[in-house]
Full PDB file with SEQRES, HELIX, SHEET, SSBOND, CRYST1, ORIGX, SCALE, CONECT and MASTER records, all heavy atoms in Angstrom:
SEQRES   1 A   34  ALA LEU LEU THR ALA ILE SER CYS ALA GLY SER SER SER          
SEQRES   2 A   34  ARG SER ALA PRO ALA GLU GLU GLY GLU ALA ALA THR LEU          
SEQRES   3 A   34  GLY ILE THR THR ARG ALA PRO SER                              
CRYST1    1.000    1.000    1.000  90.00  90.00  90.00 P 1           1          
ORIGX1      1.000000  0.000000  0.000000        0.00000                         
ORIGX2      0.000000  1.000000  0.000000        0.00000                         
ORIGX3      0.000000  0.000000  1.000000        0.00000                         
SCALE1      1.000000  0.000000  0.000000        0.00000                         
SCALE2      0.000000  1.000000  0.000000        0.00000                         
SCALE3      0.000000  0.000000  1.000000        0.00000                         
ATOM      1  N   ALA A   1     169.089  66.446  71.861  1.00  0.00           N  
ATOM      2  CA  ALA A   1     169.149  65.362  70.877  1.00  0.00           C  
ATOM      3  C   ALA A   1     169.995  64.162  71.282  1.00  0.00           C  
ATOM      4  O   ALA A   1     169.846  63.106  70.706  1.00  0.00           O  
ATOM      5  CB  ALA A   1     169.654  65.914  69.555  1.00  0.00           C  
ATOM      6  N   LEU A   2     170.878  64.288  72.246  1.00  0.00           N  
ATOM      7  CA  LEU A   2     171.770  63.183  72.550  1.00  0.00           C  
ATOM      8  C   LEU A   2     171.482  62.533  73.899  1.00  0.00           C  
ATOM      9  O   LEU A   2     172.353  61.937  74.508  1.00  0.00           O  
ATOM     10  CB  LEU A   2     173.222  63.659  72.510  1.00  0.00           C  
ATOM     11  CG  LEU A   2     173.678  64.138  71.151  1.00  0.00           C  
ATOM     12  CD1 LEU A   2     175.094  64.688  71.231  1.00  0.00           C  
ATOM     13  CD2 LEU A   2     173.605  63.044  70.120  1.00  0.00           C  
ATOM     14  N   LEU A   3     170.250  62.629  74.344  1.00  0.00           N  
ATOM     15  CA  LEU A   3     169.929  62.074  75.651  1.00  0.00           C  
ATOM     16  C   LEU A   3     169.488  60.626  75.539  1.00  0.00           C  
ATOM     17  O   LEU A   3     168.897  60.214  74.565  1.00  0.00           O  
ATOM     18  CB  LEU A   3     168.810  62.875  76.313  1.00  0.00           C  
ATOM     19  CG  LEU A   3     169.179  64.279  76.730  1.00  0.00           C  
ATOM     20  CD1 LEU A   3     168.001  64.955  77.408  1.00  0.00           C  
ATOM     21  CD2 LEU A   3     170.372  64.286  77.652  1.00  0.00           C  
ATOM     22  N   THR A   4     169.765  59.883  76.594  1.00  0.00           N  
ATOM     23  CA  THR A   4     169.301  58.509  76.728  1.00  0.00           C  
ATOM     24  C   THR A   4     168.357  58.482  77.914  1.00  0.00           C  
ATOM     25  O   THR A   4     168.719  58.927  78.982  1.00  0.00           O  
ATOM     26  CB  THR A   4     170.485  57.565  76.989  1.00  0.00           C  
ATOM     27  OG1 THR A   4     171.355  57.638  75.873  1.00  0.00           O  
ATOM     28  CG2 THR A   4     170.002  56.137  77.164  1.00  0.00           C  
ATOM     29  N   ALA A   5     167.164  57.965  77.720  1.00  0.00           N  
ATOM     30  CA  ALA A   5     166.190  57.926  78.808  1.00  0.00           C  
ATOM     31  C   ALA A   5     166.345  56.640  79.588  1.00  0.00           C  
ATOM     32  O   ALA A   5     166.437  55.578  79.017  1.00  0.00           O  
ATOM     33  CB  ALA A   5     164.780  58.026  78.241  1.00  0.00           C  
ATOM     34  N   ILE A   6     166.377  56.773  80.914  1.00  0.00           N  
ATOM     35  CA  ILE A   6     166.402  55.607  81.778  1.00  0.00           C  
ATOM     36  C   ILE A   6     165.442  55.860  82.912  1.00  0.00           C  
ATOM     37  O   ILE A   6     165.187  56.998  83.266  1.00  0.00           O  
ATOM     38  CB  ILE A   6     167.808  55.292  82.317  1.00  0.00           C  
ATOM     39  CG1 ILE A   6     168.352  56.472  83.116  1.00  0.00           C  
ATOM     40  CG2 ILE A   6     168.745  54.899  81.213  1.00  0.00           C  
ATOM     41  CD1 ILE A   6     169.674  56.207  83.789  1.00  0.00           C  
ATOM     42  N   SER A   7     164.902  54.808  83.478  1.00  0.00           N  
ATOM     43  CA  SER A   7     163.965  54.954  84.572  1.00  0.00           C  
ATOM     44  C   SER A   7     164.475  54.191  85.775  1.00  0.00           C  
ATOM     45  O   SER A   7     164.995  53.101  85.640  1.00  0.00           O  
ATOM     46  CB  SER A   7     162.595  54.420  84.151  1.00  0.00           C  
ATOM     47  OG  SER A   7     161.704  54.491  85.221  1.00  0.00           O  
ATOM     48  N   CYS A   8     164.298  54.754  86.948  1.00  0.00           N  
ATOM     49  CA  CYS A   8     164.741  54.095  88.173  1.00  0.00           C  
ATOM     50  C   CYS A   8     163.710  53.117  88.695  1.00  0.00           C  
ATOM     51  O   CYS A   8     164.024  52.265  89.492  1.00  0.00           O  
ATOM     52  CB  CYS A   8     165.026  55.133  89.256  1.00  0.00           C  
ATOM     53  SG  CYS A   8     166.465  56.115  88.880  1.00  0.00           S  
ATOM     54  N   ALA A   9     162.460  53.245  88.311  1.00  0.00           N  
ATOM     55  CA  ALA A   9     161.436  52.348  88.824  1.00  0.00           C  
ATOM     56  C   ALA A   9     160.300  52.281  87.836  1.00  0.00           C  
ATOM     57  O   ALA A   9     160.256  53.007  86.872  1.00  0.00           O  
ATOM     58  CB  ALA A   9     160.930  52.859  90.167  1.00  0.00           C  
ATOM     59  N   GLY A  10     159.361  51.383  88.119  1.00  0.00           N  
ATOM     60  CA  GLY A  10     158.196  51.242  87.260  1.00  0.00           C  
ATOM     61  C   GLY A  10     158.150  49.870  86.660  1.00  0.00           C  
ATOM     62  O   GLY A  10     159.129  49.137  86.643  1.00  0.00           O  
ATOM     63  N   SER A  11     156.971  49.509  86.154  1.00  0.00           N  
ATOM     64  CA  SER A  11     156.820  48.168  85.585  1.00  0.00           C  
ATOM     65  C   SER A  11     157.352  48.139  84.165  1.00  0.00           C  
ATOM     66  O   SER A  11     157.501  49.150  83.512  1.00  0.00           O  
ATOM     67  CB  SER A  11     155.349  47.776  85.603  1.00  0.00           C  
ATOM     68  OG  SER A  11     154.623  48.666  84.798  1.00  0.00           O  
ATOM     69  N   SER A  12     157.646  46.959  83.691  1.00  0.00           N  
ATOM     70  CA  SER A  12     158.192  46.784  82.352  1.00  0.00           C  
ATOM     71  C   SER A  12     157.614  45.525  81.743  1.00  0.00           C  
ATOM     72  O   SER A  12     157.323  44.561  82.437  1.00  0.00           O  
ATOM     73  CB  SER A  12     159.720  46.664  82.425  1.00  0.00           C  
ATOM     74  OG  SER A  12     160.242  46.389  81.157  1.00  0.00           O  
ATOM     75  N   SER A  13     157.437  45.523  80.434  1.00  0.00           N  
ATOM     76  CA  SER A  13     156.921  44.341  79.750  1.00  0.00           C  
ATOM     77  C   SER A  13     158.063  43.429  79.306  1.00  0.00           C  
ATOM     78  O   SER A  13     157.850  42.460  78.617  1.00  0.00           O  
ATOM     79  CB  SER A  13     156.095  44.775  78.535  1.00  0.00           C  
ATOM     80  OG  SER A  13     156.908  45.498  77.644  1.00  0.00           O  
ATOM     81  N   ARG A  14     159.261  43.745  79.715  1.00  0.00           N  
ATOM     82  CA  ARG A  14     160.413  42.940  79.356  1.00  0.00           C  
ATOM     83  C   ARG A  14     160.432  41.652  80.165  1.00  0.00           C  
ATOM     84  O   ARG A  14     159.742  41.506  81.152  1.00  0.00           O  
ATOM     85  CB  ARG A  14     161.701  43.715  79.618  1.00  0.00           C  
ATOM     86  CG  ARG A  14     161.774  44.990  78.813  1.00  0.00           C  
ATOM     87  CD  ARG A  14     163.113  45.653  78.994  1.00  0.00           C  
ATOM     88  NE  ARG A  14     163.127  46.979  78.444  1.00  0.00           N  
ATOM     89  CZ  ARG A  14     163.122  47.278  77.166  1.00  0.00           C  
ATOM     90  NH1 ARG A  14     163.087  46.339  76.279  1.00  0.00           N  
ATOM     91  NH2 ARG A  14     163.155  48.521  76.757  1.00  0.00           N  
ATOM     92  N   SER A  15     161.296  40.726  79.748  1.00  0.00           N  
ATOM     93  CA  SER A  15     161.439  39.478  80.484  1.00  0.00           C  
ATOM     94  C   SER A  15     162.008  39.747  81.876  1.00  0.00           C  
ATOM     95  O   SER A  15     162.375  40.861  82.200  1.00  0.00           O  
ATOM     96  CB  SER A  15     162.361  38.529  79.711  1.00  0.00           C  
ATOM     97  OG  SER A  15     163.642  39.096  79.595  1.00  0.00           O  
ATOM     98  N   ALA A  16     162.086  38.715  82.671  1.00  0.00           N  
ATOM     99  CA  ALA A  16     162.583  38.845  84.041  1.00  0.00           C  
ATOM    100  C   ALA A  16     163.977  39.460  84.060  1.00  0.00           C  
ATOM    101  O   ALA A  16     164.735  39.305  83.105  1.00  0.00           O  
ATOM    102  CB  ALA A  16     162.617  37.469  84.695  1.00  0.00           C  
ATOM    103  N   PRO A  17     164.318  40.169  85.121  1.00  0.00           N  
ATOM    104  CA  PRO A  17     165.651  40.779  85.202  1.00  0.00           C  
ATOM    105  C   PRO A  17     166.752  39.744  85.039  1.00  0.00           C  
ATOM    106  O   PRO A  17     166.592  38.589  85.414  1.00  0.00           O  
ATOM    107  CB  PRO A  17     165.674  41.388  86.610  1.00  0.00           C  
ATOM    108  CG  PRO A  17     164.245  41.545  86.991  1.00  0.00           C  
ATOM    109  CD  PRO A  17     163.509  40.446  86.290  1.00  0.00           C  
ATOM    110  N   ALA A  18     167.853  40.187  84.506  1.00  0.00           N  
ATOM    111  CA  ALA A  18     168.998  39.300  84.317  1.00  0.00           C  
ATOM    112  C   ALA A  18     169.567  38.909  85.670  1.00  0.00           C  
ATOM    113  O   ALA A  18     169.446  39.626  86.647  1.00  0.00           O  
ATOM    114  CB  ALA A  18     170.065  40.011  83.490  1.00  0.00           C  
ATOM    115  N   GLU A  19     170.173  37.749  85.702  1.00  0.00           N  
ATOM    116  CA  GLU A  19     170.878  37.320  86.911  1.00  0.00           C  
ATOM    117  C   GLU A  19     172.019  38.295  87.161  1.00  0.00           C  
ATOM    118  O   GLU A  19     172.541  38.903  86.233  1.00  0.00           O  
ATOM    119  CB  GLU A  19     171.442  35.913  86.710  1.00  0.00           C  
ATOM    120  CG  GLU A  19     170.382  34.835  86.531  1.00  0.00           C  
ATOM    121  CD  GLU A  19     169.529  34.639  87.771  1.00  0.00           C  
ATOM    122  OE1 GLU A  19     170.090  34.684  88.880  1.00  0.00           O  
ATOM    123  OE2 GLU A  19     168.314  34.455  87.618  1.00  0.00           O  
ATOM    124  N   GLU A  20     172.417  38.432  88.419  1.00  0.00           N  
ATOM    125  CA  GLU A  20     173.546  39.297  88.756  1.00  0.00           C  
ATOM    126  C   GLU A  20     174.756  38.874  87.936  1.00  0.00           C  
ATOM    127  O   GLU A  20     175.071  37.690  87.861  1.00  0.00           O  
ATOM    128  CB  GLU A  20     173.857  39.198  90.259  1.00  0.00           C  
ATOM    129  CG  GLU A  20     174.932  40.151  90.711  1.00  0.00           C  
ATOM    130  CD  GLU A  20     174.542  41.611  90.578  1.00  0.00           C  
ATOM    131  OE1 GLU A  20     173.360  41.937  90.733  1.00  0.00           O  
ATOM    132  OE2 GLU A  20     175.429  42.427  90.296  1.00  0.00           O  
ATOM    133  N   GLY A  21     175.407  39.825  87.292  1.00  0.00           N  
ATOM    134  CA  GLY A  21     176.587  39.533  86.486  1.00  0.00           C  
ATOM    135  C   GLY A  21     176.270  39.077  85.072  1.00  0.00           C  
ATOM    136  O   GLY A  21     177.157  38.692  84.330  1.00  0.00           O  
ATOM    137  N   GLU A  22     174.990  39.129  84.666  1.00  0.00           N  
ATOM    138  CA  GLU A  22     174.570  38.678  83.339  1.00  0.00           C  
ATOM    139  C   GLU A  22     174.033  39.868  82.545  1.00  0.00           C  
ATOM    140  O   GLU A  22     173.309  40.693  83.078  1.00  0.00           O  
ATOM    141  CB  GLU A  22     173.473  37.629  83.511  1.00  0.00           C  
ATOM    142  CG  GLU A  22     173.293  36.730  82.340  1.00  0.00           C  
ATOM    143  CD  GLU A  22     172.271  35.641  82.625  1.00  0.00           C  
ATOM    144  OE1 GLU A  22     171.094  35.976  82.887  1.00  0.00           O  
ATOM    145  OE2 GLU A  22     172.639  34.471  82.577  1.00  0.00           O  
ATOM    146  N   ALA A  23     174.382  39.944  81.275  1.00  0.00           N  
ATOM    147  CA  ALA A  23     173.925  41.026  80.406  1.00  0.00           C  
ATOM    148  C   ALA A  23     173.452  40.437  79.077  1.00  0.00           C  
ATOM    149  O   ALA A  23     173.885  39.363  78.669  1.00  0.00           O  
ATOM    150  CB  ALA A  23     175.061  42.013  80.162  1.00  0.00           C  
ATOM    151  N   ALA A  24     172.585  41.170  78.397  1.00  0.00           N  
ATOM    152  CA  ALA A  24     172.091  40.745  77.080  1.00  0.00           C  
ATOM    153  C   ALA A  24     173.168  40.977  76.023  1.00  0.00           C  
ATOM    154  O   ALA A  24     173.932  41.936  76.094  1.00  0.00           O  
ATOM    155  CB  ALA A  24     170.830  41.516  76.724  1.00  0.00           C  
ATOM    156  N   THR A  25     173.209  40.088  75.038  1.00  0.00           N  
ATOM    157  CA  THR A  25     174.185  40.221  73.951  1.00  0.00           C  
ATOM    158  C   THR A  25     173.600  39.698  72.646  1.00  0.00           C  
ATOM    159  O   THR A  25     172.720  38.845  72.641  1.00  0.00           O  
ATOM    160  CB  THR A  25     175.487  39.457  74.283  1.00  0.00           C  
ATOM    161  OG1 THR A  25     176.425  39.671  73.223  1.00  0.00           O  
ATOM    162  CG2 THR A  25     175.247  37.974  74.447  1.00  0.00           C  
ATOM    163  N   LEU A  26     174.116  40.246  71.549  1.00  0.00           N  
ATOM    164  CA  LEU A  26     173.800  39.721  70.220  1.00  0.00           C  
ATOM    165  C   LEU A  26     174.891  38.774  69.731  1.00  0.00           C  
ATOM    166  O   LEU A  26     174.725  38.104  68.734  1.00  0.00           O  
ATOM    167  CB  LEU A  26     173.650  40.869  69.215  1.00  0.00           C  
ATOM    168  CG  LEU A  26     172.301  41.561  69.184  1.00  0.00           C  
ATOM    169  CD1 LEU A  26     172.381  42.845  68.380  1.00  0.00           C  
ATOM    170  CD2 LEU A  26     171.244  40.635  68.618  1.00  0.00           C  
ATOM    171  N   GLY A  27     176.038  38.748  70.412  1.00  0.00           N  
ATOM    172  CA  GLY A  27     177.137  37.890  69.989  1.00  0.00           C  
ATOM    173  C   GLY A  27     177.837  38.408  68.739  1.00  0.00           C  
ATOM    174  O   GLY A  27     178.192  37.640  67.846  1.00  0.00           O  
ATOM    175  N   ILE A  28     178.018  39.729  68.682  1.00  0.00           N  
ATOM    176  CA  ILE A  28     178.691  40.350  67.533  1.00  0.00           C  
ATOM    177  C   ILE A  28     179.636  41.435  68.019  1.00  0.00           C  
ATOM    178  O   ILE A  28     179.509  41.930  69.137  1.00  0.00           O  
ATOM    179  CB  ILE A  28     177.694  41.000  66.540  1.00  0.00           C  
ATOM    180  CG1 ILE A  28     176.828  42.049  67.255  1.00  0.00           C  
ATOM    181  CG2 ILE A  28     176.865  39.957  65.829  1.00  0.00           C  
ATOM    182  CD1 ILE A  28     175.926  42.843  66.330  1.00  0.00           C  
ATOM    183  N   THR A  29     180.569  41.813  67.147  1.00  0.00           N  
ATOM    184  CA  THR A  29     181.304  43.065  67.309  1.00  0.00           C  
ATOM    185  C   THR A  29     180.956  43.901  66.087  1.00  0.00           C  
ATOM    186  O   THR A  29     180.685  43.354  65.007  1.00  0.00           O  
ATOM    187  CB  THR A  29     182.836  42.864  67.406  1.00  0.00           C  
ATOM    188  OG1 THR A  29     183.286  42.203  66.230  1.00  0.00           O  
ATOM    189  CG2 THR A  29     183.202  42.059  68.642  1.00  0.00           C  
ATOM    190  N   THR A  30     180.920  45.206  66.268  1.00  0.00           N  
ATOM    191  CA  THR A  30     180.548  46.086  65.165  1.00  0.00           C  
ATOM    192  C   THR A  30     181.539  47.230  65.041  1.00  0.00           C  
ATOM    193  O   THR A  30     182.334  47.481  65.948  1.00  0.00           O  
ATOM    194  CB  THR A  30     179.131  46.676  65.363  1.00  0.00           C  
ATOM    195  OG1 THR A  30     179.140  47.559  66.483  1.00  0.00           O  
ATOM    196  CG2 THR A  30     178.083  45.583  65.552  1.00  0.00           C  
ATOM    197  N   ARG A  31     181.445  47.914  63.927  1.00  0.00           N  
ATOM    198  CA  ARG A  31     182.255  49.111  63.692  1.00  0.00           C  
ATOM    199  C   ARG A  31     181.414  50.094  62.881  1.00  0.00           C  
ATOM    200  O   ARG A  31     180.382  49.723  62.303  1.00  0.00           O  
ATOM    201  CB  ARG A  31     183.543  48.765  62.950  1.00  0.00           C  
ATOM    202  CG  ARG A  31     183.319  48.173  61.575  1.00  0.00           C  
ATOM    203  CD  ARG A  31     184.621  47.969  60.801  1.00  0.00           C  
ATOM    204  NE  ARG A  31     184.383  47.299  59.537  1.00  0.00           N  
ATOM    205  CZ  ARG A  31     183.869  47.865  58.457  1.00  0.00           C  
ATOM    206  NH1 ARG A  31     183.525  49.140  58.477  1.00  0.00           N  
ATOM    207  NH2 ARG A  31     183.697  47.175  57.341  1.00  0.00           N  
ATOM    208  N   ALA A  32     181.872  51.332  62.835  1.00  0.00           N  
ATOM    209  CA  ALA A  32     181.178  52.363  62.067  1.00  0.00           C  
ATOM    210  C   ALA A  32     181.375  52.109  60.566  1.00  0.00           C  
ATOM    211  O   ALA A  32     182.439  51.640  60.144  1.00  0.00           O  
ATOM    212  CB  ALA A  32     181.720  53.742  62.425  1.00  0.00           C  
ATOM    213  N   PRO A  33     180.370  52.423  59.758  1.00  0.00           N  
ATOM    214  CA  PRO A  33     180.534  52.291  58.306  1.00  0.00           C  
ATOM    215  C   PRO A  33     181.526  53.332  57.775  1.00  0.00           C  
ATOM    216  O   PRO A  33     181.580  54.452  58.271  1.00  0.00           O  
ATOM    217  CB  PRO A  33     179.146  52.585  57.741  1.00  0.00           C  
ATOM    218  CG  PRO A  33     178.216  52.566  58.906  1.00  0.00           C  
ATOM    219  CD  PRO A  33     179.031  52.842  60.121  1.00  0.00           C  
ATOM    220  N   SER A  34     182.300  52.938  56.781  1.00  0.00           N  
ATOM    221  CA  SER A  34     183.177  53.894  56.099  1.00  0.00           C  
ATOM    222  C   SER A  34     182.318  54.762  55.188  1.00  0.00           C  
ATOM    223  O   SER A  34     181.147  54.449  54.935  1.00  0.00           O  
ATOM    224  CB  SER A  34     184.216  53.145  55.271  1.00  0.00           C  
ATOM    225  OG  SER A  34     183.574  52.463  54.193  1.00  0.00           O  
TER     226      SER A  34                                                      
MASTER        0    0    0    0    0    0    0    6  225    1    0    3          
END                                                                             
């Protein structure tokens, strides 16, 4: 139940890979609900 799937190769319908040193962000910080 706690696994995360990742793939080492294969095609993707996502946009072009990020530039080196660049990551996707939502521009938020979050916390767990009380």
